[in-house]
Amino acid sequence: MLPLLTLVLLCIMGLGLAAVVAEAQRRKNHLRQTQLEAFGLATAERAALYAAQVERLQQRMRVLEGFAADRGIAAADEIEALKNRPLH
């Protein structure tokens, strides 16, 4: 009878240990998921900022290309005027 009782107690302790390990793993997975979501959000924000910066630079390039293509405009004067203009 004693070996059977010992076996039952060991099984109960094993199940308890398995439950503790499973909960620890669940919490670890939840933390990792939260970290990945935060990283993804930060990456998306940086991508949006870079896209806006690229758009502003492309607009400026189009203006400068227009100056270079139009031989009737004094390009140096136009470029100097742009240097004094705020960027947005």
PDB file of N, CA and C in Angstrom:
ATOM      1  N   MET A   1       0.819  -1.193   0.000  1.00  0.00           N
ATOM      2  CA  MET A   1       0.000   0.000   0.000  1.00  0.00           C
ATOM      3  C   MET A   1       0.861   1.253   0.000  1.00  0.00           C
ATOM      4  N   LEU A   2       1.952   1.209   0.727  1.00  0.00           N
ATOM      5  CA  LEU A   2       2.833   2.379   0.810  1.00  0.00           C
ATOM      6  C   LEU A   2       3.436   2.754  -0.549  1.00  0.00           C
ATOM      7  N   PRO A   3       3.916   1.792  -1.351  1.00  0.00           N
ATOM      8  CA  PRO A   3       4.437   2.166  -2.662  1.00  0.00           C
ATOM      9  C   PRO A   3       3.382   2.797  -3.558  1.00  0.00           C
ATOM     10  N   LEU A   4       2.152   2.348  -3.467  1.00  0.00           N
ATOM     11  CA  LEU A   4       1.080   2.934  -4.272  1.00  0.00           C
ATOM     12  C   LEU A   4       0.814   4.377  -3.851  1.00  0.00           C
ATOM     13  N   LEU A   5       0.793   4.624  -2.552  1.00  0.00           N
ATOM     14  CA  LEU A   5       0.595   5.975  -2.040  1.00  0.00           C
ATOM     15  C   LEU A   5       1.747   6.888  -2.467  1.00  0.00           C
ATOM     16  N   THR A   6       2.943   6.366  -2.419  1.00  0.00           N
ATOM     17  CA  THR A   6       4.115   7.129  -2.848  1.00  0.00           C
ATOM     18  C   THR A   6       4.009   7.470  -4.333  1.00  0.00           C
ATOM     19  N   LEU A   7       3.599   6.505  -5.112  1.00  0.00           N
ATOM     20  CA  LEU A   7       3.449   6.723  -6.547  1.00  0.00           C
ATOM     21  C   LEU A   7       2.383   7.785  -6.833  1.00  0.00           C
ATOM     22  N   VAL A   8       1.277   7.738  -6.142  1.00  0.00           N
ATOM     23  CA  VAL A   8       0.206   8.725  -6.325  1.00  0.00           C
ATOM     24  C   VAL A   8       0.700  10.119  -5.939  1.00  0.00           C
ATOM     25  N   LEU A   9       1.404  10.214  -4.817  1.00  0.00           N
ATOM     26  CA  LEU A   9       1.929  11.520  -4.389  1.00  0.00           C
ATOM     27  C   LEU A   9       2.946  12.071  -5.381  1.00  0.00           C
ATOM     28  N   LEU A  10       3.792  11.198  -5.901  1.00  0.00           N
ATOM     29  CA  LEU A  10       4.767  11.643  -6.914  1.00  0.00           C
ATOM     30  C   LEU A  10       4.054  12.125  -8.180  1.00  0.00           C
ATOM     31  N   CYS A  11       3.005  11.442  -8.568  1.00  0.00           N
ATOM     32  CA  CYS A  11       2.231  11.871  -9.746  1.00  0.00           C
ATOM     33  C   CYS A  11       1.590  13.238  -9.506  1.00  0.00           C
ATOM     34  N   ILE A  12       1.035  13.429  -8.341  1.00  0.00           N
ATOM     35  CA  ILE A  12       0.415  14.720  -8.014  1.00  0.00           C
ATOM     36  C   ILE A  12       1.468  15.825  -8.014  1.00  0.00           C
ATOM     37  N   MET A  13       2.615  15.548  -7.425  1.00  0.00           N
ATOM     38  CA  MET A  13       3.694  16.552  -7.415  1.00  0.00           C
ATOM     39  C   MET A  13       4.192  16.838  -8.829  1.00  0.00           C
ATOM     40  N   GLY A  14       4.266  15.800  -9.645  1.00  0.00           N
ATOM     41  CA  GLY A  14       4.686  15.972 -11.038  1.00  0.00           C
ATOM     42  C   GLY A  14       3.703  16.837 -11.813  1.00  0.00           C
ATOM     43  N   LEU A  15       2.426  16.581 -11.589  1.00  0.00           N
ATOM     44  CA  LEU A  15       1.408  17.402 -12.257  1.00  0.00           C
ATOM     45  C   LEU A  15       1.485  18.861 -11.798  1.00  0.00           C
ATOM     46  N   GLY A  16       1.717  19.051 -10.506  1.00  0.00           N
ATOM     47  CA  GLY A  16       1.852  20.417  -9.996  1.00  0.00           C
ATOM     48  C   GLY A  16       3.058  21.118 -10.604  1.00  0.00           C
ATOM     49  N   LEU A  17       4.169  20.404 -10.696  1.00  0.00           N
ATOM     50  CA  LEU A  17       5.374  20.975 -11.304  1.00  0.00           C
ATOM     51  C   LEU A  17       5.138  21.286 -12.780  1.00  0.00           C
ATOM     52  N   ALA A  18       4.451  20.379 -13.469  1.00  0.00           N
ATOM     53  CA  ALA A  18       4.144  20.611 -14.885  1.00  0.00           C
ATOM     54  C   ALA A  18       3.266  21.854 -15.048  1.00  0.00           C
ATOM     55  N   ALA A  19       2.325  22.061 -14.139  1.00  0.00           N
ATOM     56  CA  ALA A  19       1.461  23.245 -14.207  1.00  0.00           C
ATOM     57  C   ALA A  19       2.264  24.518 -13.987  1.00  0.00           C
ATOM     58  N   VAL A  20       3.197  24.481 -13.054  1.00  0.00           N
ATOM     59  CA  VAL A  20       4.041  25.655 -12.793  1.00  0.00           C
ATOM     60  C   VAL A  20       4.905  25.964 -14.012  1.00  0.00           C
ATOM     61  N   VAL A  21       5.508  24.948 -14.600  1.00  0.00           N
ATOM     62  CA  VAL A  21       6.350  25.133 -15.787  1.00  0.00           C
ATOM     63  C   VAL A  21       5.514  25.664 -16.956  1.00  0.00           C
ATOM     64  N   ALA A  22       4.325  25.122 -17.133  1.00  0.00           N
ATOM     65  CA  ALA A  22       3.452  25.571 -18.227  1.00  0.00           C
ATOM     66  C   ALA A  22       3.061  27.040 -18.039  1.00  0.00           C
ATOM     67  N   GLU A  23       2.772  27.442 -16.826  1.00  0.00           N
ATOM     68  CA  GLU A  23       2.411  28.844 -16.565  1.00  0.00           C
ATOM     69  C   GLU A  23       3.597  29.768 -16.820  1.00  0.00           C
ATOM     70  N   ALA A  24       4.772  29.339 -16.427  1.00  0.00           N
ATOM     71  CA  ALA A  24       5.969  30.147 -16.669  1.00  0.00           C
ATOM     72  C   ALA A  24       6.199  30.306 -18.172  1.00  0.00           C
ATOM     73  N   GLN A  25       6.014  29.247 -18.916  1.00  0.00           N
ATOM     74  CA  GLN A  25       6.178  29.316 -20.376  1.00  0.00           C
ATOM     75  C   GLN A  25       5.123  30.213 -21.008  1.00  0.00           C
ATOM     76  N   ARG A  26       3.886  30.139 -20.507  1.00  0.00           N
ATOM     77  CA  ARG A  26       2.820  30.997 -21.035  1.00  0.00           C
ATOM     78  C   ARG A  26       3.148  32.464 -20.811  1.00  0.00           C
ATOM     79  N   ARG A  27       3.638  32.779 -19.610  1.00  0.00           N
ATOM     80  CA  ARG A  27       4.006  34.170 -19.317  1.00  0.00           C
ATOM     81  C   ARG A  27       5.179  34.630 -20.171  1.00  0.00           C
ATOM     82  N   LYS A  28       6.136  33.749 -20.372  1.00  0.00           N
ATOM     83  CA  LYS A  28       7.289  34.078 -21.218  1.00  0.00           C
ATOM     84  C   LYS A  28       6.835  34.355 -22.652  1.00  0.00           C
ATOM     85  N   ASN A  29       5.928  33.511 -23.172  1.00  0.00           N
ATOM     86  CA  ASN A  29       5.400  33.711 -24.524  1.00  0.00           C
ATOM     87  C   ASN A  29       4.622  35.021 -24.633  1.00  0.00           C
ATOM     88  N   HIS A  30       3.846  35.340 -23.613  1.00  0.00           N
ATOM     89  CA  HIS A  30       3.079  36.587 -23.615  1.00  0.00           C
ATOM     90  C   HIS A  30       4.015  37.800 -23.619  1.00  0.00           C
ATOM     91  N   LEU A  31       5.056  37.746 -22.804  1.00  0.00           N
ATOM     92  CA  LEU A  31       6.033  38.839 -22.764  1.00  0.00           C
ATOM     93  C   LEU A  31       6.705  39.006 -24.121  1.00  0.00           C
ATOM     94  N   ARG A  32       7.102  37.907 -24.733  1.00  0.00           N
ATOM     95  CA  ARG A  32       7.761  37.962 -26.041  1.00  0.00           C
ATOM     96  C   ARG A  32       6.819  38.545 -27.095  1.00  0.00           C
ATOM     97  N   GLN A  33       5.555  38.150 -27.049  1.00  0.00           N
ATOM     98  CA  GLN A  33       4.586  38.683 -28.005  1.00  0.00           C
ATOM     99  C   GLN A  33       4.418  40.191 -27.809  1.00  0.00           C
ATOM    100  N   THR A  34       4.356  40.636 -26.572  1.00  0.00           N
ATOM    101  CA  THR A  34       4.232  42.067 -26.281  1.00  0.00           C
ATOM    102  C   THR A  34       5.453  42.826 -26.788  1.00  0.00           C
ATOM    103  N   GLN A  35       6.630  42.260 -26.586  1.00  0.00           N
ATOM    104  CA  GLN A  35       7.855  42.896 -27.064  1.00  0.00           C
ATOM    105  C   GLN A  35       7.863  42.995 -28.589  1.00  0.00           C
ATOM    106  N   LEU A  36       7.445  41.937 -29.263  1.00  0.00           N
ATOM    107  CA  LEU A  36       7.416  41.955 -30.729  1.00  0.00           C
ATOM    108  C   LEU A  36       6.406  42.966 -31.262  1.00  0.00           C
ATOM    109  N   GLU A  37       5.264  43.083 -30.603  1.00  0.00           N
ATOM    110  CA  GLU A  37       4.269  44.075 -31.026  1.00  0.00           C
ATOM    111  C   GLU A  37       4.804  45.488 -30.865  1.00  0.00           C
ATOM    112  N   ALA A  38       5.492  45.748 -29.759  1.00  0.00           N
ATOM    113  CA  ALA A  38       6.081  47.076 -29.533  1.00  0.00           C
ATOM    114  C   ALA A  38       7.152  47.367 -30.572  1.00  0.00           C
ATOM    115  N   PHE A  39       7.963  46.370 -30.874  1.00  0.00           N
ATOM    116  CA  PHE A  39       9.009  46.549 -31.879  1.00  0.00           C
ATOM    117  C   PHE A  39       8.398  46.818 -33.248  1.00  0.00           C
ATOM    118  N   GLY A  40       7.341  46.085 -33.585  1.00  0.00           N
ATOM    119  CA  GLY A  40       6.666  46.297 -34.865  1.00  0.00           C
ATOM    120  C   GLY A  40       6.067  47.686 -34.966  1.00  0.00           C
ATOM    121  N   LEU A  41       5.479  48.164 -33.889  1.00  0.00           N
ATOM    122  CA  LEU A  41       4.902  49.510 -33.888  1.00  0.00           C
ATOM    123  C   LEU A  41       5.992  50.568 -34.066  1.00  0.00           C
ATOM    124  N   ALA A  42       7.091  50.411 -33.356  1.00  0.00           N
ATOM    125  CA  ALA A  42       8.191  51.371 -33.481  1.00  0.00           C
ATOM    126  C   ALA A  42       8.765  51.348 -34.898  1.00  0.00           C
ATOM    127  N   THR A  43       8.867  50.166 -35.486  1.00  0.00           N
ATOM    128  CA  THR A  43       9.386  50.046 -36.850  1.00  0.00           C
ATOM    129  C   THR A  43       8.453  50.730 -37.841  1.00  0.00           C
ATOM    130  N   ALA A  44       7.167  50.555 -37.662  1.00  0.00           N
ATOM    131  CA  ALA A  44       6.189  51.197 -38.553  1.00  0.00           C
ATOM    132  C   ALA A  44       6.252  52.714 -38.426  1.00  0.00           C
ATOM    133  N   GLU A  45       6.431  53.213 -37.217  1.00  0.00           N
ATOM    134  CA  GLU A  45       6.536  54.664 -37.018  1.00  0.00           C
ATOM    135  C   GLU A  45       7.787  55.214 -37.705  1.00  0.00           C
ATOM    136  N   ARG A  46       8.900  54.501 -37.571  1.00  0.00           N
ATOM    137  CA  ARG A  46      10.128  54.954 -38.237  1.00  0.00           C
ATOM    138  C   ARG A  46       9.972  54.920 -39.749  1.00  0.00           C
ATOM    139  N   ALA A  47       9.327  53.885 -40.264  1.00  0.00           N
ATOM    140  CA  ALA A  47       9.108  53.778 -41.706  1.00  0.00           C
ATOM    141  C   ALA A  47       8.256  54.938 -42.206  1.00  0.00           C
ATOM    142  N   ALA A  48       7.252  55.324 -41.454  1.00  0.00           N
ATOM    143  CA  ALA A  48       6.399  56.451 -41.854  1.00  0.00           C
ATOM    144  C   ALA A  48       7.201  57.758 -41.857  1.00  0.00           C
ATOM    145  N   LEU A  49       8.054  57.932 -40.852  1.00  0.00           N
ATOM    146  CA  LEU A  49       8.889  59.135 -40.816  1.00  0.00           C
ATOM    147  C   LEU A  49       9.845  59.176 -41.999  1.00  0.00           C
ATOM    148  N   TYR A  50      10.459  58.034 -42.303  1.00  0.00           N
ATOM    149  CA  TYR A  50      11.380  57.979 -43.445  1.00  0.00           C
ATOM    150  C   TYR A  50      10.647  58.237 -44.755  1.00  0.00           C
ATOM    151  N   ALA A  51       9.451  57.704 -44.887  1.00  0.00           N
ATOM    152  CA  ALA A  51       8.677  57.915 -46.109  1.00  0.00           C
ATOM    153  C   ALA A  51       8.339  59.391 -46.287  1.00  0.00           C
ATOM    154  N   ALA A  52       7.971  60.066 -45.207  1.00  0.00           N
ATOM    155  CA  ALA A  52       7.664  61.495 -45.283  1.00  0.00           C
ATOM    156  C   ALA A  52       8.917  62.290 -45.653  1.00  0.00           C
ATOM    157  N   GLN A  53      10.050  61.907 -45.081  1.00  0.00           N
ATOM    158  CA  GLN A  53      11.298  62.605 -45.391  1.00  0.00           C
ATOM    159  C   GLN A  53      11.678  62.399 -46.856  1.00  0.00           C
ATOM    160  N   VAL A  54      11.512  61.186 -47.362  1.00  0.00           N
ATOM    161  CA  VAL A  54      11.813  60.909 -48.768  1.00  0.00           C
ATOM    162  C   VAL A  54      10.899  61.733 -49.670  1.00  0.00           C
ATOM    163  N   GLU A  55       9.629  61.829 -49.309  1.00  0.00           N
ATOM    164  CA  GLU A  55       8.685  62.619 -50.107  1.00  0.00           C
ATOM    165  C   GLU A  55       9.110  64.089 -50.162  1.00  0.00           C
ATOM    166  N   ARG A  56       9.516  64.653 -49.015  1.00  0.00           N
ATOM    167  CA  ARG A  56       9.974  66.050 -49.015  1.00  0.00           C
ATOM    168  C   ARG A  56      11.215  66.223 -49.889  1.00  0.00           C
ATOM    169  N   LEU A  57      12.135  65.281 -49.798  1.00  0.00           N
ATOM    170  CA  LEU A  57      13.346  65.375 -50.615  1.00  0.00           C
ATOM    171  C   LEU A  57      13.026  65.242 -52.102  1.00  0.00           C
ATOM    172  N   GLN A  58      12.081  64.371 -52.439  1.00  0.00           N
ATOM    173  CA  GLN A  58      11.692  64.233 -53.838  1.00  0.00           C
ATOM    174  C   GLN A  58      11.041  65.516 -54.356  1.00  0.00           C
ATOM    175  N   GLN A  59      10.231  66.154 -53.530  1.00  0.00           N
ATOM    176  CA  GLN A  59       9.618  67.420 -53.943  1.00  0.00           C
ATOM    177  C   GLN A  59      10.693  68.474 -54.208  1.00  0.00           C
ATOM    178  N   ARG A  60      11.661  68.547 -53.330  1.00  0.00           N
ATOM    179  CA  ARG A  60      12.743  69.524 -53.511  1.00  0.00           C
ATOM    180  C   ARG A  60      13.540  69.220 -54.776  1.00  0.00           C
ATOM    181  N   MET A  61      13.790  67.927 -55.035  1.00  0.00           N
ATOM    182  CA  MET A  61      14.522  67.542 -56.245  1.00  0.00           C
ATOM    183  C   MET A  61      13.748  67.936 -57.500  1.00  0.00           C
ATOM    184  N   ARG A  62      12.417  67.771 -57.477  1.00  0.00           N
ATOM    185  CA  ARG A  62      11.623  68.154 -58.639  1.00  0.00           C
ATOM    186  C   ARG A  62      11.738  69.655 -58.898  1.00  0.00           C
ATOM    187  N   VAL A  63      11.734  70.435 -57.839  1.00  0.00           N
ATOM    188  CA  VAL A  63      11.878  71.884 -57.992  1.00  0.00           C
ATOM    189  C   VAL A  63      13.248  72.212 -58.583  1.00  0.00           C
ATOM    190  N   LEU A  64      14.287  71.604 -58.039  1.00  0.00           N
ATOM    191  CA  LEU A  64      15.632  71.869 -58.541  1.00  0.00           C
ATOM    192  C   LEU A  64      15.808  71.388 -59.978  1.00  0.00           C
ATOM    193  N   GLU A  65      15.214  70.270 -60.325  1.00  0.00           N
ATOM    194  CA  GLU A  65      15.279  69.786 -61.712  1.00  0.00           C
ATOM    195  C   GLU A  65      14.575  70.764 -62.651  1.00  0.00           C
ATOM    196  N   GLY A  66      13.464  71.325 -62.152  1.00  0.00           N
ATOM    197  CA  GLY A  66      12.771  72.324 -62.967  1.00  0.00           C
ATOM    198  C   GLY A  66      13.634  73.550 -63.200  1.00  0.00           C
ATOM    199  N   PHE A  67      14.368  73.983 -62.204  1.00  0.00           N
ATOM    200  CA  PHE A  67      15.274  75.124 -62.370  1.00  0.00           C
ATOM    201  C   PHE A  67      16.352  74.805 -63.390  1.00  0.00           C
ATOM    202  N   ALA A  68      16.907  73.621 -63.285  1.00  0.00           N
ATOM    203  CA  ALA A  68      17.987  73.239 -64.193  1.00  0.00           C
ATOM    204  C   ALA A  68      17.476  73.097 -65.619  1.00  0.00           C
ATOM    205  N   ALA A  69      16.250  72.627 -65.802  1.00  0.00           N
ATOM    206  CA  ALA A  69      15.711  72.412 -67.143  1.00  0.00           C
ATOM    207  C   ALA A  69      15.260  73.712 -67.799  1.00  0.00           C
ATOM    208  N   ASP A  70      14.815  74.668 -67.010  1.00  0.00           N
ATOM    209  CA  ASP A  70      14.313  75.926 -67.568  1.00  0.00           C
ATOM    210  C   ASP A  70      15.467  76.921 -67.661  1.00  0.00           C
ATOM    211  N   ARG A  71      15.955  77.129 -68.863  1.00  0.00           N
ATOM    212  CA  ARG A  71      17.136  77.986 -69.054  1.00  0.00           C
ATOM    213  C   ARG A  71      16.821  79.472 -68.889  1.00  0.00           C
ATOM    214  N   GLY A  72      15.539  79.829 -68.876  1.00  0.00           N
ATOM    215  CA  GLY A  72      15.169  81.229 -68.749  1.00  0.00           C
ATOM    216  C   GLY A  72      15.183  81.722 -67.302  1.00  0.00           C
ATOM    217  N   ILE A  73      15.290  80.837 -66.337  1.00  0.00           N
ATOM    218  CA  ILE A  73      15.261  81.240 -64.926  1.00  0.00           C
ATOM    219  C   ILE A  73      16.682  81.317 -64.403  1.00  0.00           C
ATOM    220  N   ALA A  74      16.953  82.316 -63.612  1.00  0.00           N
ATOM    221  CA  ALA A  74      18.269  82.434 -62.980  1.00  0.00           C
ATOM    222  C   ALA A  74      18.308  81.449 -61.811  1.00  0.00           C
ATOM    223  N   ALA A  75      18.880  80.279 -62.053  1.00  0.00           N
ATOM    224  CA  ALA A  75      18.842  79.191 -61.081  1.00  0.00           C
ATOM    225  C   ALA A  75      19.512  79.574 -59.767  1.00  0.00           C
ATOM    226  N   ALA A  76      20.592  80.278 -59.811  1.00  0.00           N
ATOM    227  CA  ALA A  76      21.303  80.632 -58.580  1.00  0.00           C
ATOM    228  C   ALA A  76      20.415  81.478 -57.670  1.00  0.00           C
ATOM    229  N   ASP A  77      19.672  82.423 -58.243  1.00  0.00           N
ATOM    230  CA  ASP A  77      18.786  83.262 -57.440  1.00  0.00           C
ATOM    231  C   ASP A  77      17.657  82.435 -56.822  1.00  0.00           C
ATOM    232  N   GLU A  78      17.110  81.504 -57.594  1.00  0.00           N
ATOM    233  CA  GLU A  78      16.031  80.663 -57.092  1.00  0.00           C
ATOM    234  C   GLU A  78      16.525  79.747 -55.958  1.00  0.00           C
ATOM    235  N   ILE A  79      17.715  79.204 -56.112  1.00  0.00           N
ATOM    236  CA  ILE A  79      18.268  78.335 -55.081  1.00  0.00           C
ATOM    237  C   ILE A  79      18.522  79.125 -53.802  1.00  0.00           C
ATOM    238  N   GLU A  80      19.032  80.313 -53.929  1.00  0.00           N
ATOM    239  CA  GLU A  80      19.254  81.155 -52.748  1.00  0.00           C
ATOM    240  C   GLU A  80      17.935  81.478 -52.050  1.00  0.00           C
ATOM    241  N   ALA A  81      16.885  81.718 -52.834  1.00  0.00           N
ATOM    242  CA  ALA A  81      15.584  81.999 -52.240  1.00  0.00           C
ATOM    243  C   ALA A  81      15.069  80.770 -51.482  1.00  0.00           C
ATOM    244  N   LEU A  82      15.341  79.577 -51.990  1.00  0.00           N
ATOM    245  CA  LEU A  82      14.914  78.359 -51.311  1.00  0.00           C
ATOM    246  C   LEU A  82      15.680  78.119 -50.013  1.00  0.00           C
ATOM    247  N   LYS A  83      16.906  78.554 -49.954  1.00  0.00           N
ATOM    248  CA  LYS A  83      17.695  78.352 -48.731  1.00  0.00           C
ATOM    249  C   LYS A  83      17.053  79.085 -47.544  1.00  0.00           C
ATOM    250  N   ASN A  84      16.414  80.188 -47.809  1.00  0.00           N
ATOM    251  CA  ASN A  84      15.813  80.991 -46.750  1.00  0.00           C
ATOM    252  C   ASN A  84      14.391  80.540 -46.424  1.00  0.00           C
ATOM    253  N   ARG A  85      13.809  79.652 -47.206  1.00  0.00           N
ATOM    254  CA  ARG A  85      12.445  79.189 -46.999  1.00  0.00           C
ATOM    255  C   ARG A  85      12.433  78.034 -45.994  1.00  0.00           C
ATOM    256  N   PRO A  86      11.472  78.041 -45.045  1.00  0.00           N
ATOM    257  CA  PRO A  86      11.379  76.919 -44.088  1.00  0.00           C
ATOM    258  C   PRO A  86      11.014  75.617 -44.817  1.00  0.00           C
ATOM    259  N   LEU A  87      11.430  74.485 -44.233  1.00  0.00           N
ATOM    260  CA  LEU A  87      11.207  73.188 -44.880  1.00  0.00           C
ATOM    261  C   LEU A  87       9.804  72.654 -44.690  1.00  0.00           C
ATOM    262  N   HIS A  88       9.066  72.954 -43.721  1.00  0.00           N
ATOM    263  CA  HIS A  88       7.694  72.513 -43.402  1.00  0.00           C
ATOM    264  C   HIS A  88       7.636  72.326 -41.945  1.00  0.00           C
TER     265      HIS A  88
END
